[in-house]
Amino acid sequence: MSGLRSLLRLVDDLLSPVALNEQAVALNSSMANSAWLDLALQLCSAGVLFSWGALAIYLLAEKFTWIKPTDWAWGAGLAALIGIPGLIFYASAVHLGLSKQVVPTTLESWWEIPVLLLWSAANAFAEEIVVVLWLLTRLKGLGWSVPWMIVASAVLRGSYHLYQGVSAGFGNIIMGVLFAWFYHRTGKVWPLVIAHFLIDAVAFVGYAALGGDLSWLGL
């Protein structure tokens, strides 16, 4: 349903008289006027994502292995492989009118950085555990072929990012193919979680540190 909802939001945005690249979407924004209530809601919302990932792990307990030191190296490598070209792809997409202007954060409280790191971890944990580990395991059990398993995982990942723009959907499909293939080949999901965390953390915290100035990207 997240994918369908994102698709419908994209259709609405494309029907708007305002060009797609003149629209903006904030990924992390305030949830309440009160600072302490906002923090509480941020923590609860991130906790929901951790819960989804934990539920998937519980359902696949017999197939799950915990993080290993070498997973960090793999994760950093995957983050660089995806993150650097992804940044160039995003900037190009905005100029071509295929993406909204993505604002990583509009938070301004003293707890902004810790919460952004928490959201980075929550997004990474939930998405990679559910969309890769759980989904591929279940599809394999249903007798799906490897190519179709990878396609299903990648398309699902791309679909729920469409609210950011057409390019976000395609970009995440590419990321999804690589991540699903990596998991199929290695049986390791933690490098994917780490890579996703690093990509989001650099984007979120980096944007905050730069004060939202992306002029160096031509944006």
N, C-alpha and C. Protein backbone atom coordinates (compact mmCIF):
# COMPACT_ATOMS: atom_id res chain seq x y z
N MET A 1 0.82 -1.21 0.00
CA MET A 1 0.00 0.00 0.00
C MET A 1 0.86 1.26 0.00
N SER A 2 2.04 1.19 0.61
CA SER A 2 2.93 2.36 0.61
C SER A 2 3.33 2.72 -0.81
N GLY A 3 3.59 1.68 -1.62
CA GLY A 3 3.94 1.93 -3.01
C GLY A 3 2.80 2.55 -3.79
N LEU A 4 1.59 2.04 -3.60
CA LEU A 4 0.43 2.59 -4.30
C LEU A 4 0.17 4.02 -3.86
N ARG A 5 0.28 4.27 -2.56
CA ARG A 5 0.07 5.63 -2.06
C ARG A 5 1.09 6.60 -2.65
N SER A 6 2.35 6.16 -2.74
CA SER A 6 3.39 7.01 -3.31
C SER A 6 3.13 7.28 -4.79
N LEU A 7 2.66 6.26 -5.51
CA LEU A 7 2.34 6.43 -6.93
C LEU A 7 1.22 7.45 -7.12
N LEU A 8 0.20 7.36 -6.29
CA LEU A 8 -0.92 8.30 -6.39
C LEU A 8 -0.48 9.72 -6.06
N ARG A 9 0.42 9.84 -5.08
CA ARG A 9 0.95 11.16 -4.74
C ARG A 9 1.76 11.73 -5.90
N LEU A 10 2.51 10.87 -6.58
CA LEU A 10 3.30 11.32 -7.72
C LEU A 10 2.39 11.79 -8.85
N VAL A 11 1.32 11.03 -9.12
CA VAL A 11 0.37 11.42 -10.16
C VAL A 11 -0.22 12.79 -9.84
N ASP A 12 -0.58 13.01 -8.59
CA ASP A 12 -1.13 14.30 -8.17
C ASP A 12 -0.11 15.42 -8.39
N ASP A 13 1.15 15.13 -8.06
CA ASP A 13 2.20 16.13 -8.24
C ASP A 13 2.43 16.44 -9.72
N LEU A 14 2.36 15.42 -10.57
CA LEU A 14 2.57 15.62 -12.00
C LEU A 14 1.41 16.39 -12.64
N LEU A 15 0.22 16.27 -12.05
CA LEU A 15 -0.95 16.99 -12.56
C LEU A 15 -0.98 18.44 -12.08
N SER A 16 -0.12 18.76 -11.13
CA SER A 16 -0.06 20.12 -10.60
C SER A 16 0.50 21.08 -11.65
N PRO A 17 0.02 22.32 -11.67
CA PRO A 17 0.57 23.31 -12.61
C PRO A 17 2.01 23.69 -12.28
N VAL A 18 2.45 23.36 -11.07
CA VAL A 18 3.83 23.64 -10.66
C VAL A 18 4.73 22.50 -11.13
N ALA A 19 5.81 22.82 -11.80
CA ALA A 19 6.73 21.80 -12.30
C ALA A 19 7.26 20.94 -11.16
N LEU A 20 7.53 19.68 -11.45
CA LEU A 20 7.96 18.75 -10.42
C LEU A 20 9.22 19.23 -9.72
N ASN A 21 10.17 19.77 -10.46
CA ASN A 21 11.43 20.20 -9.85
C ASN A 21 11.31 21.53 -9.11
N GLU A 22 10.12 22.12 -9.13
CA GLU A 22 9.87 23.32 -8.34
C GLU A 22 9.09 23.00 -7.07
N GLN A 23 8.74 21.72 -6.92
CA GLN A 23 8.09 21.26 -5.71
C GLN A 23 9.14 20.70 -4.75
N ALA A 24 8.81 20.64 -3.48
CA ALA A 24 9.76 20.14 -2.49
C ALA A 24 9.07 19.15 -1.57
N VAL A 25 9.85 18.21 -1.05
CA VAL A 25 9.34 17.24 -0.09
C VAL A 25 10.36 17.10 1.03
N ALA A 26 9.89 17.22 2.27
CA ALA A 26 10.76 17.09 3.43
C ALA A 26 10.70 15.66 3.95
N LEU A 27 11.86 15.06 4.18
CA LEU A 27 11.91 13.68 4.66
C LEU A 27 11.78 13.58 6.17
N ASN A 28 12.29 14.57 6.88
CA ASN A 28 12.22 14.58 8.34
C ASN A 28 11.76 15.96 8.78
N SER A 29 10.57 16.04 9.31
CA SER A 29 10.00 17.32 9.72
C SER A 29 9.35 17.19 11.09
N SER A 30 9.01 18.32 11.67
CA SER A 30 8.41 18.33 12.99
C SER A 30 7.04 17.66 12.97
N MET A 31 6.71 16.99 14.08
CA MET A 31 5.43 16.32 14.21
C MET A 31 4.53 16.98 15.24
N ALA A 32 5.05 17.98 15.94
CA ALA A 32 4.27 18.68 16.96
C ALA A 32 4.89 20.05 17.19
N ASN A 33 4.11 20.97 17.73
CA ASN A 33 4.62 22.31 18.02
C ASN A 33 5.53 22.32 19.24
N SER A 34 5.19 21.50 20.22
CA SER A 34 5.99 21.42 21.43
C SER A 34 7.24 20.59 21.17
N ALA A 35 8.40 21.09 21.60
CA ALA A 35 9.67 20.41 21.35
C ALA A 35 9.71 19.02 21.99
N TRP A 36 9.25 18.91 23.23
CA TRP A 36 9.33 17.61 23.91
C TRP A 36 8.34 16.61 23.31
N LEU A 37 7.16 17.13 22.90
CA LEU A 37 6.17 16.25 22.28
C LEU A 37 6.64 15.82 20.89
N ASP A 38 7.28 16.74 20.20
CA ASP A 38 7.83 16.42 18.88
C ASP A 38 8.87 15.31 19.01
N LEU A 39 9.75 15.44 20.00
CA LEU A 39 10.77 14.41 20.22
C LEU A 39 10.13 13.07 20.53
N ALA A 40 9.11 13.08 21.38
CA ALA A 40 8.43 11.83 21.75
C ALA A 40 7.80 11.17 20.52
N LEU A 41 7.19 11.97 19.65
CA LEU A 41 6.57 11.43 18.44
C LEU A 41 7.62 10.91 17.46
N GLN A 42 8.75 11.60 17.37
CA GLN A 42 9.84 11.14 16.51
C GLN A 42 10.34 9.78 16.98
N LEU A 43 10.52 9.63 18.29
CA LEU A 43 11.02 8.37 18.85
C LEU A 43 10.01 7.24 18.64
N CYS A 44 8.74 7.55 18.85
CA CYS A 44 7.70 6.53 18.66
C CYS A 44 7.61 6.09 17.20
N SER A 45 7.69 7.04 16.30
CA SER A 45 7.58 6.73 14.87
C SER A 45 8.77 5.89 14.40
N ALA A 46 9.96 6.25 14.85
CA ALA A 46 11.14 5.46 14.51
C ALA A 46 11.03 4.07 15.12
N GLY A 47 10.46 4.01 16.32
CA GLY A 47 10.28 2.73 16.99
C GLY A 47 9.38 1.79 16.21
N VAL A 48 8.39 2.34 15.52
CA VAL A 48 7.50 1.51 14.70
C VAL A 48 8.30 0.79 13.61
N LEU A 49 9.23 1.50 12.98
CA LEU A 49 10.05 0.88 11.94
C LEU A 49 10.94 -0.22 12.51
N PHE A 50 11.54 0.05 13.66
CA PHE A 50 12.35 -0.98 14.30
C PHE A 50 11.50 -2.21 14.63
N SER A 51 10.25 -1.97 15.01
CA SER A 51 9.35 -3.07 15.35
C SER A 51 9.04 -3.94 14.14
N TRP A 52 8.84 -3.30 12.99
CA TRP A 52 8.59 -4.08 11.76
C TRP A 52 9.79 -4.96 11.43
N GLY A 53 10.97 -4.39 11.55
CA GLY A 53 12.17 -5.18 11.28
C GLY A 53 12.33 -6.31 12.28
N ALA A 54 12.06 -6.02 13.55
CA ALA A 54 12.19 -7.04 14.59
C ALA A 54 11.18 -8.16 14.38
N LEU A 55 9.98 -7.82 13.94
CA LEU A 55 8.97 -8.85 13.68
C LEU A 55 9.42 -9.77 12.55
N ALA A 56 9.99 -9.19 11.50
CA ALA A 56 10.49 -10.00 10.39
C ALA A 56 11.60 -10.93 10.86
N ILE A 57 12.48 -10.43 11.72
CA ILE A 57 13.56 -11.26 12.26
C ILE A 57 12.99 -12.40 13.08
N TYR A 58 11.98 -12.10 13.87
CA TYR A 58 11.34 -13.13 14.70
C TYR A 58 10.74 -14.23 13.82
N LEU A 59 10.09 -13.81 12.74
CA LEU A 59 9.46 -14.79 11.85
C LEU A 59 10.48 -15.63 11.09
N LEU A 60 11.71 -15.10 10.96
CA LEU A 60 12.76 -15.83 10.25
C LEU A 60 13.93 -16.15 11.18
N ALA A 61 13.63 -16.37 12.44
CA ALA A 61 14.68 -16.53 13.45
C ALA A 61 15.69 -17.62 13.10
N GLU A 62 15.22 -18.69 12.49
CA GLU A 62 16.12 -19.80 12.19
C GLU A 62 17.09 -19.48 11.05
N LYS A 63 16.81 -18.40 10.32
CA LYS A 63 17.64 -18.05 9.17
C LYS A 63 18.49 -16.81 9.43
N PHE A 64 18.43 -16.26 10.64
CA PHE A 64 19.05 -14.97 10.91
C PHE A 64 20.41 -15.11 11.58
N THR A 65 21.37 -14.33 11.12
CA THR A 65 22.69 -14.27 11.76
C THR A 65 22.97 -12.83 12.16
N TRP A 66 23.68 -12.65 13.26
CA TRP A 66 23.95 -11.32 13.77
C TRP A 66 25.13 -10.68 13.05
N ILE A 67 25.28 -9.39 13.25
CA ILE A 67 26.28 -8.59 12.55
C ILE A 67 27.69 -9.06 12.87
N LYS A 68 28.56 -9.00 11.86
CA LYS A 68 29.96 -9.38 12.00
C LYS A 68 30.84 -8.18 11.64
N PRO A 69 32.08 -8.13 12.17
CA PRO A 69 32.96 -6.99 11.88
C PRO A 69 33.15 -6.73 10.39
N THR A 70 33.26 -7.79 9.59
CA THR A 70 33.49 -7.60 8.15
C THR A 70 32.29 -6.96 7.45
N ASP A 71 31.12 -7.03 8.08
CA ASP A 71 29.93 -6.44 7.47
C ASP A 71 30.08 -4.92 7.33
N TRP A 72 30.86 -4.32 8.22
CA TRP A 72 31.04 -2.87 8.17
C TRP A 72 31.80 -2.45 6.92
N ALA A 73 32.82 -3.23 6.55
CA ALA A 73 33.59 -2.91 5.35
C ALA A 73 32.72 -3.05 4.10
N TRP A 74 31.96 -4.15 4.03
CA TRP A 74 31.05 -4.34 2.91
C TRP A 74 30.03 -3.20 2.85
N GLY A 75 29.49 -2.84 4.02
CA GLY A 75 28.49 -1.78 4.07
C GLY A 75 29.03 -0.44 3.59
N ALA A 76 30.25 -0.11 4.02
CA ALA A 76 30.86 1.15 3.60
C ALA A 76 31.09 1.16 2.09
N GLY A 77 31.54 0.03 1.56
CA GLY A 77 31.76 -0.06 0.13
C GLY A 77 30.48 0.09 -0.67
N LEU A 78 29.43 -0.57 -0.23
CA LEU A 78 28.14 -0.46 -0.91
C LEU A 78 27.58 0.96 -0.82
N ALA A 79 27.79 1.60 0.33
CA ALA A 79 27.31 2.97 0.50
C ALA A 79 27.98 3.91 -0.49
N ALA A 80 29.29 3.74 -0.67
CA ALA A 80 30.02 4.57 -1.63
C ALA A 80 29.57 4.28 -3.05
N LEU A 81 29.36 3.00 -3.35
CA LEU A 81 28.96 2.58 -4.69
C LEU A 81 27.60 3.14 -5.08
N ILE A 82 26.70 3.22 -4.10
CA ILE A 82 25.36 3.73 -4.35
C ILE A 82 25.28 5.24 -4.12
N GLY A 83 25.87 5.70 -3.03
CA GLY A 83 25.69 7.08 -2.61
C GLY A 83 26.27 8.13 -3.53
N ILE A 84 27.50 7.92 -4.00
CA ILE A 84 28.15 8.93 -4.83
C ILE A 84 27.46 9.09 -6.19
N PRO A 85 27.25 8.00 -6.93
CA PRO A 85 26.50 8.14 -8.19
C PRO A 85 25.06 8.61 -7.95
N GLY A 86 24.50 8.19 -6.81
CA GLY A 86 23.13 8.58 -6.49
C GLY A 86 22.97 10.08 -6.33
N LEU A 87 23.98 10.72 -5.74
CA LEU A 87 23.95 12.17 -5.55
C LEU A 87 23.98 12.88 -6.90
N ILE A 88 24.82 12.39 -7.80
CA ILE A 88 24.91 12.97 -9.14
C ILE A 88 23.60 12.74 -9.90
N PHE A 89 23.05 11.55 -9.75
CA PHE A 89 21.78 11.20 -10.40
C PHE A 89 20.66 12.11 -9.92
N TYR A 90 20.61 12.36 -8.60
CA TYR A 90 19.57 13.22 -8.04
C TYR A 90 19.68 14.64 -8.57
N ALA A 91 20.89 15.20 -8.56
CA ALA A 91 21.08 16.57 -9.03
C ALA A 91 20.69 16.70 -10.50
N SER A 92 21.06 15.72 -11.30
CA SER A 92 20.71 15.73 -12.72
C SER A 92 19.20 15.63 -12.91
N ALA A 93 18.56 14.78 -12.10
CA ALA A 93 17.12 14.58 -12.20
C ALA A 93 16.35 15.86 -11.87
N VAL A 94 16.82 16.59 -10.88
CA VAL A 94 16.16 17.86 -10.52
C VAL A 94 16.26 18.83 -11.69
N HIS A 95 17.43 18.95 -12.28
CA HIS A 95 17.61 19.86 -13.41
C HIS A 95 16.75 19.46 -14.60
N LEU A 96 16.52 18.16 -14.76
CA LEU A 96 15.73 17.66 -15.89
C LEU A 96 14.24 17.64 -15.60
N GLY A 97 13.86 18.00 -14.38
CA GLY A 97 12.44 18.03 -14.02
C GLY A 97 11.86 16.68 -13.68
N LEU A 98 12.71 15.73 -13.31
CA LEU A 98 12.25 14.38 -13.00
C LEU A 98 12.17 14.11 -11.50
N SER A 99 12.53 15.08 -10.71
CA SER A 99 12.53 14.89 -9.26
C SER A 99 12.11 16.16 -8.55
N LYS A 100 11.48 15.98 -7.41
CA LYS A 100 11.23 17.12 -6.54
C LYS A 100 12.55 17.53 -5.88
N GLN A 101 12.56 18.68 -5.28
CA GLN A 101 13.69 19.08 -4.45
C GLN A 101 13.51 18.39 -3.10
N VAL A 102 14.37 17.44 -2.81
CA VAL A 102 14.25 16.66 -1.58
C VAL A 102 14.97 17.38 -0.45
N VAL A 103 14.23 17.70 0.59
CA VAL A 103 14.79 18.38 1.77
C VAL A 103 14.96 17.33 2.86
N PRO A 104 16.18 16.91 3.15
CA PRO A 104 16.39 15.83 4.12
C PRO A 104 15.85 16.12 5.51
N THR A 105 15.91 17.38 5.94
CA THR A 105 15.40 17.70 7.28
C THR A 105 14.99 19.16 7.39
N THR A 106 13.93 19.39 8.13
CA THR A 106 13.51 20.75 8.49
C THR A 106 13.48 20.90 10.01
N LEU A 107 14.03 19.91 10.70
CA LEU A 107 14.07 19.96 12.16
C LEU A 107 15.04 21.04 12.63
N GLU A 108 14.74 21.67 13.76
CA GLU A 108 15.59 22.74 14.26
C GLU A 108 15.87 22.63 15.75
N SER A 109 15.44 21.57 16.39
CA SER A 109 15.62 21.42 17.83
C SER A 109 17.04 20.97 18.16
N TRP A 110 17.39 21.03 19.43
CA TRP A 110 18.74 20.65 19.86
C TRP A 110 19.01 19.17 19.64
N TRP A 111 17.95 18.38 19.56
CA TRP A 111 18.11 16.94 19.38
C TRP A 111 18.07 16.52 17.91
N GLU A 112 18.18 17.49 17.01
CA GLU A 112 18.05 17.19 15.58
C GLU A 112 19.02 16.09 15.11
N ILE A 113 20.31 16.22 15.40
CA ILE A 113 21.30 15.27 14.89
C ILE A 113 21.07 13.86 15.44
N PRO A 114 20.90 13.68 16.76
CA PRO A 114 20.63 12.32 17.26
C PRO A 114 19.39 11.69 16.64
N VAL A 115 18.35 12.49 16.45
CA VAL A 115 17.11 11.96 15.87
C VAL A 115 17.31 11.61 14.39
N LEU A 116 18.08 12.41 13.68
CA LEU A 116 18.36 12.10 12.28
C LEU A 116 19.14 10.79 12.16
N LEU A 117 20.07 10.57 13.07
CA LEU A 117 20.82 9.31 13.07
C LEU A 117 19.89 8.14 13.43
N LEU A 118 18.97 8.39 14.35
CA LEU A 118 18.01 7.35 14.72
C LEU A 118 17.13 6.99 13.53
N TRP A 119 16.65 8.01 12.81
CA TRP A 119 15.82 7.75 11.64
C TRP A 119 16.61 7.02 10.56
N SER A 120 17.88 7.37 10.42
CA SER A 120 18.73 6.67 9.44
C SER A 120 18.80 5.19 9.77
N ALA A 121 18.99 4.89 11.05
CA ALA A 121 19.07 3.49 11.48
C ALA A 121 17.73 2.79 11.33
N ALA A 122 16.65 3.47 11.68
CA ALA A 122 15.32 2.86 11.60
C ALA A 122 14.93 2.55 10.16
N ASN A 123 15.15 3.51 9.27
CA ASN A 123 14.85 3.28 7.85
C ASN A 123 15.65 2.12 7.30
N ALA A 124 16.94 2.11 7.61
CA ALA A 124 17.82 1.06 7.09
C ALA A 124 17.42 -0.30 7.62
N PHE A 125 17.19 -0.39 8.91
CA PHE A 125 16.86 -1.66 9.55
C PHE A 125 15.55 -2.23 9.00
N ALA A 126 14.52 -1.39 8.99
CA ALA A 126 13.20 -1.87 8.55
C ALA A 126 13.21 -2.26 7.07
N GLU A 127 13.75 -1.40 6.23
CA GLU A 127 13.68 -1.66 4.79
C GLU A 127 14.49 -2.88 4.38
N GLU A 128 15.71 -2.98 4.85
CA GLU A 128 16.55 -4.09 4.40
C GLU A 128 16.12 -5.42 5.00
N ILE A 129 15.67 -5.40 6.24
CA ILE A 129 15.21 -6.65 6.85
C ILE A 129 13.92 -7.14 6.20
N VAL A 130 12.98 -6.22 5.95
CA VAL A 130 11.69 -6.62 5.40
C VAL A 130 11.74 -6.80 3.89
N VAL A 131 12.26 -5.81 3.17
CA VAL A 131 12.20 -5.81 1.71
C VAL A 131 13.23 -6.75 1.08
N VAL A 132 14.31 -7.03 1.80
CA VAL A 132 15.31 -7.95 1.25
C VAL A 132 15.28 -9.30 1.98
N LEU A 133 15.64 -9.31 3.24
CA LEU A 133 15.75 -10.58 3.98
C LEU A 133 14.43 -11.34 4.01
N TRP A 134 13.39 -10.70 4.54
CA TRP A 134 12.11 -11.40 4.70
C TRP A 134 11.47 -11.73 3.35
N LEU A 135 11.40 -10.72 2.47
CA LEU A 135 10.70 -10.92 1.20
C LEU A 135 11.38 -11.98 0.33
N LEU A 136 12.70 -11.89 0.19
CA LEU A 136 13.39 -12.87 -0.66
C LEU A 136 13.30 -14.28 -0.08
N THR A 137 13.35 -14.37 1.24
CA THR A 137 13.22 -15.69 1.87
C THR A 137 11.85 -16.29 1.61
N ARG A 138 10.82 -15.47 1.75
CA ARG A 138 9.46 -15.95 1.52
C ARG A 138 9.21 -16.30 0.05
N LEU A 139 9.69 -15.47 -0.85
CA LEU A 139 9.49 -15.74 -2.27
C LEU A 139 10.24 -17.00 -2.70
N LYS A 140 11.41 -17.20 -2.13
CA LYS A 140 12.16 -18.43 -2.42
C LYS A 140 11.38 -19.65 -1.95
N GLY A 141 10.76 -19.52 -0.78
CA GLY A 141 9.95 -20.62 -0.26
C GLY A 141 8.74 -20.92 -1.11
N LEU A 142 8.27 -19.91 -1.84
CA LEU A 142 7.12 -20.08 -2.73
C LEU A 142 7.53 -20.60 -4.10
N GLY A 143 8.82 -20.79 -4.29
CA GLY A 143 9.30 -21.34 -5.55
C GLY A 143 9.59 -20.34 -6.65
N TRP A 144 9.71 -19.06 -6.30
CA TRP A 144 10.03 -18.05 -7.30
C TRP A 144 11.45 -18.23 -7.80
N SER A 145 11.70 -17.88 -9.05
CA SER A 145 13.05 -17.91 -9.59
C SER A 145 13.82 -16.70 -9.08
N VAL A 146 15.14 -16.79 -9.06
CA VAL A 146 15.97 -15.71 -8.53
C VAL A 146 15.74 -14.38 -9.25
N PRO A 147 15.73 -14.35 -10.58
CA PRO A 147 15.51 -13.06 -11.25
C PRO A 147 14.21 -12.37 -10.84
N TRP A 148 13.13 -13.15 -10.73
CA TRP A 148 11.86 -12.56 -10.35
C TRP A 148 11.84 -12.13 -8.89
N MET A 149 12.56 -12.84 -8.04
CA MET A 149 12.69 -12.43 -6.65
C MET A 149 13.37 -11.07 -6.55
N ILE A 150 14.44 -10.91 -7.31
CA ILE A 150 15.19 -9.65 -7.30
C ILE A 150 14.34 -8.52 -7.87
N VAL A 151 13.63 -8.80 -8.95
CA VAL A 151 12.76 -7.78 -9.56
C VAL A 151 11.67 -7.35 -8.58
N ALA A 152 11.05 -8.30 -7.91
CA ALA A 152 9.97 -7.99 -6.97
C ALA A 152 10.47 -7.10 -5.84
N SER A 153 11.62 -7.45 -5.28
CA SER A 153 12.19 -6.66 -4.19
C SER A 153 12.54 -5.26 -4.66
N ALA A 154 13.15 -5.16 -5.84
CA ALA A 154 13.58 -3.87 -6.36
C ALA A 154 12.40 -2.97 -6.71
N VAL A 155 11.39 -3.53 -7.35
CA VAL A 155 10.22 -2.73 -7.73
C VAL A 155 9.46 -2.26 -6.49
N LEU A 156 9.36 -3.12 -5.48
CA LEU A 156 8.72 -2.71 -4.24
C LEU A 156 9.48 -1.53 -3.62
N ARG A 157 10.80 -1.63 -3.57
CA ARG A 157 11.60 -0.55 -3.00
C ARG A 157 11.41 0.75 -3.79
N GLY A 158 11.42 0.63 -5.10
CA GLY A 158 11.25 1.82 -5.92
C GLY A 158 9.87 2.44 -5.79
N SER A 159 8.85 1.60 -5.64
CA SER A 159 7.47 2.09 -5.62
C SER A 159 7.19 3.02 -4.46
N TYR A 160 7.70 2.69 -3.26
CA TYR A 160 7.35 3.54 -2.12
C TYR A 160 8.27 4.76 -1.99
N HIS A 161 9.13 4.98 -2.98
CA HIS A 161 9.92 6.21 -3.02
C HIS A 161 9.43 7.16 -4.12
N LEU A 162 8.37 6.77 -4.83
CA LEU A 162 7.88 7.58 -5.95
C LEU A 162 7.37 8.95 -5.51
N TYR A 163 7.00 9.11 -4.25
CA TYR A 163 6.50 10.40 -3.79
C TYR A 163 7.58 11.48 -3.91
N GLN A 164 8.84 11.07 -4.04
CA GLN A 164 9.94 12.03 -4.19
C GLN A 164 10.14 12.44 -5.65
N GLY A 165 9.57 11.67 -6.56
CA GLY A 165 9.72 11.98 -7.98
C GLY A 165 9.95 10.73 -8.81
N VAL A 166 9.85 10.89 -10.13
CA VAL A 166 10.04 9.76 -11.03
C VAL A 166 11.42 9.16 -10.87
N SER A 167 12.43 10.01 -10.79
CA SER A 167 13.81 9.53 -10.70
C SER A 167 14.06 8.75 -9.42
N ALA A 168 13.38 9.12 -8.34
CA ALA A 168 13.56 8.40 -7.07
C ALA A 168 13.09 6.96 -7.20
N GLY A 169 12.02 6.76 -7.96
CA GLY A 169 11.55 5.41 -8.18
C GLY A 169 12.56 4.58 -8.94
N PHE A 170 13.06 5.12 -10.06
CA PHE A 170 14.03 4.39 -10.86
C PHE A 170 15.35 4.20 -10.11
N GLY A 171 15.79 5.24 -9.41
CA GLY A 171 17.04 5.14 -8.67
C GLY A 171 16.99 4.07 -7.60
N ASN A 172 15.86 3.98 -6.91
CA ASN A 172 15.73 2.97 -5.87
C ASN A 172 15.52 1.57 -6.43
N ILE A 173 15.00 1.48 -7.64
CA ILE A 173 14.92 0.17 -8.29
C ILE A 173 16.33 -0.35 -8.57
N ILE A 174 17.19 0.54 -9.06
CA ILE A 174 18.58 0.15 -9.32
C ILE A 174 19.26 -0.28 -8.02
N MET A 175 19.07 0.51 -6.97
CA MET A 175 19.62 0.15 -5.67
C MET A 175 19.05 -1.18 -5.20
N GLY A 176 17.76 -1.38 -5.43
CA GLY A 176 17.11 -2.61 -5.01
C GLY A 176 17.64 -3.83 -5.72
N VAL A 177 17.93 -3.70 -7.01
CA VAL A 177 18.50 -4.82 -7.77
C VAL A 177 19.86 -5.18 -7.20
N LEU A 178 20.70 -4.18 -6.97
CA LEU A 178 22.03 -4.43 -6.43
C LEU A 178 21.97 -5.07 -5.05
N PHE A 179 21.12 -4.54 -4.18
CA PHE A 179 21.04 -5.06 -2.81
C PHE A 179 20.47 -6.47 -2.78
N ALA A 180 19.43 -6.72 -3.57
CA ALA A 180 18.84 -8.06 -3.60
C ALA A 180 19.82 -9.07 -4.18
N TRP A 181 20.54 -8.66 -5.21
CA TRP A 181 21.55 -9.55 -5.81
C TRP A 181 22.65 -9.85 -4.81
N PHE A 182 23.09 -8.81 -4.09
CA PHE A 182 24.14 -9.00 -3.09
C PHE A 182 23.69 -10.00 -2.02
N TYR A 183 22.45 -9.84 -1.55
CA TYR A 183 21.96 -10.76 -0.53
C TYR A 183 21.86 -12.18 -1.08
N HIS A 184 21.39 -12.32 -2.31
CA HIS A 184 21.28 -13.65 -2.91
C HIS A 184 22.65 -14.32 -3.01
N ARG A 185 23.67 -13.54 -3.37
CA ARG A 185 25.00 -14.10 -3.57
C ARG A 185 25.72 -14.40 -2.27
N THR A 186 25.50 -13.57 -1.26
CA THR A 186 26.28 -13.69 -0.02
C THR A 186 25.47 -14.22 1.16
N GLY A 187 24.16 -14.06 1.14
CA GLY A 187 23.35 -14.43 2.29
C GLY A 187 23.50 -13.46 3.44
N LYS A 188 24.11 -12.29 3.18
CA LYS A 188 24.35 -11.29 4.23
C LYS A 188 23.40 -10.12 4.07
N VAL A 189 22.71 -9.76 5.13
CA VAL A 189 21.82 -8.62 5.08
C VAL A 189 22.38 -7.42 5.84
N TRP A 190 23.25 -7.67 6.82
CA TRP A 190 23.78 -6.57 7.62
C TRP A 190 24.58 -5.56 6.81
N PRO A 191 25.37 -5.97 5.82
CA PRO A 191 26.04 -4.95 5.00
C PRO A 191 25.06 -4.01 4.32
N LEU A 192 23.88 -4.53 3.97
CA LEU A 192 22.86 -3.70 3.35
C LEU A 192 22.29 -2.70 4.35
N VAL A 193 22.06 -3.16 5.56
CA VAL A 193 21.56 -2.28 6.62
C VAL A 193 22.57 -1.17 6.89
N ILE A 194 23.84 -1.55 6.99
CA ILE A 194 24.90 -0.58 7.27
C ILE A 194 25.03 0.42 6.12
N ALA A 195 25.01 -0.08 4.88
CA ALA A 195 25.12 0.80 3.72
C ALA A 195 23.96 1.80 3.68
N HIS A 196 22.76 1.30 3.89
CA HIS A 196 21.57 2.17 3.89
C HIS A 196 21.67 3.21 5.00
N PHE A 197 22.12 2.78 6.17
CA PHE A 197 22.28 3.72 7.29
C PHE A 197 23.28 4.81 6.93
N LEU A 198 24.42 4.44 6.37
CA LEU A 198 25.45 5.43 6.04
C LEU A 198 24.96 6.41 4.98
N ILE A 199 24.24 5.90 3.98
CA ILE A 199 23.72 6.78 2.93
C ILE A 199 22.76 7.81 3.52
N ASP A 200 21.82 7.35 4.34
CA ASP A 200 20.85 8.26 4.94
C ASP A 200 21.51 9.21 5.93
N ALA A 201 22.42 8.68 6.75
CA ALA A 201 23.07 9.51 7.77
C ALA A 201 23.87 10.64 7.13
N VAL A 202 24.61 10.32 6.08
CA VAL A 202 25.39 11.36 5.38
C VAL A 202 24.46 12.40 4.77
N ALA A 203 23.36 11.94 4.17
CA ALA A 203 22.41 12.87 3.54
C ALA A 203 21.73 13.75 4.58
N PHE A 204 21.23 13.14 5.65
CA PHE A 204 20.49 13.88 6.67
C PHE A 204 21.39 14.83 7.46
N VAL A 205 22.44 14.27 8.05
CA VAL A 205 23.33 15.06 8.90
C VAL A 205 24.14 16.05 8.06
N GLY A 206 24.56 15.61 6.87
CA GLY A 206 25.31 16.50 6.00
C GLY A 206 24.50 17.72 5.60
N TYR A 207 23.23 17.50 5.28
CA TYR A 207 22.35 18.61 4.91
C TYR A 207 22.21 19.59 6.08
N ALA A 208 22.03 19.04 7.28
CA ALA A 208 21.89 19.89 8.46
C ALA A 208 23.17 20.67 8.72
N ALA A 209 24.31 20.01 8.56
CA ALA A 209 25.60 20.65 8.81
C ALA A 209 25.87 21.78 7.81
N LEU A 210 25.38 21.61 6.59
CA LEU A 210 25.57 22.63 5.55
C LEU A 210 24.52 23.72 5.61
N GLY A 211 23.60 23.59 6.55
CA GLY A 211 22.54 24.58 6.67
C GLY A 211 21.61 24.60 5.47
N GLY A 212 21.51 23.45 4.80
CA GLY A 212 20.61 23.36 3.66
C GLY A 212 21.16 23.96 2.37
N ASP A 213 22.43 24.34 2.37
CA ASP A 213 23.04 24.95 1.19
C ASP A 213 23.54 23.88 0.22
N LEU A 214 22.83 23.71 -0.89
CA LEU A 214 23.22 22.73 -1.90
C LEU A 214 23.65 23.41 -3.20
N SER A 215 24.11 24.65 -3.08
CA SER A 215 24.52 25.40 -4.27
C SER A 215 25.70 24.74 -4.97
N TRP A 216 26.49 23.99 -4.21
CA TRP A 216 27.64 23.31 -4.80
C TRP A 216 27.21 22.18 -5.74
N LEU A 217 25.92 21.80 -5.64
CA LEU A 217 25.35 20.82 -6.56
C LEU A 217 24.60 21.50 -7.71
N GLY A 218 24.62 22.82 -7.67
CA GLY A 218 23.88 23.56 -8.69
C GLY A 218 22.40 23.63 -8.41
N LEU A 219 22.02 23.40 -7.13
CA LEU A 219 20.61 23.39 -6.76
C LEU A 219 20.27 24.61 -5.90
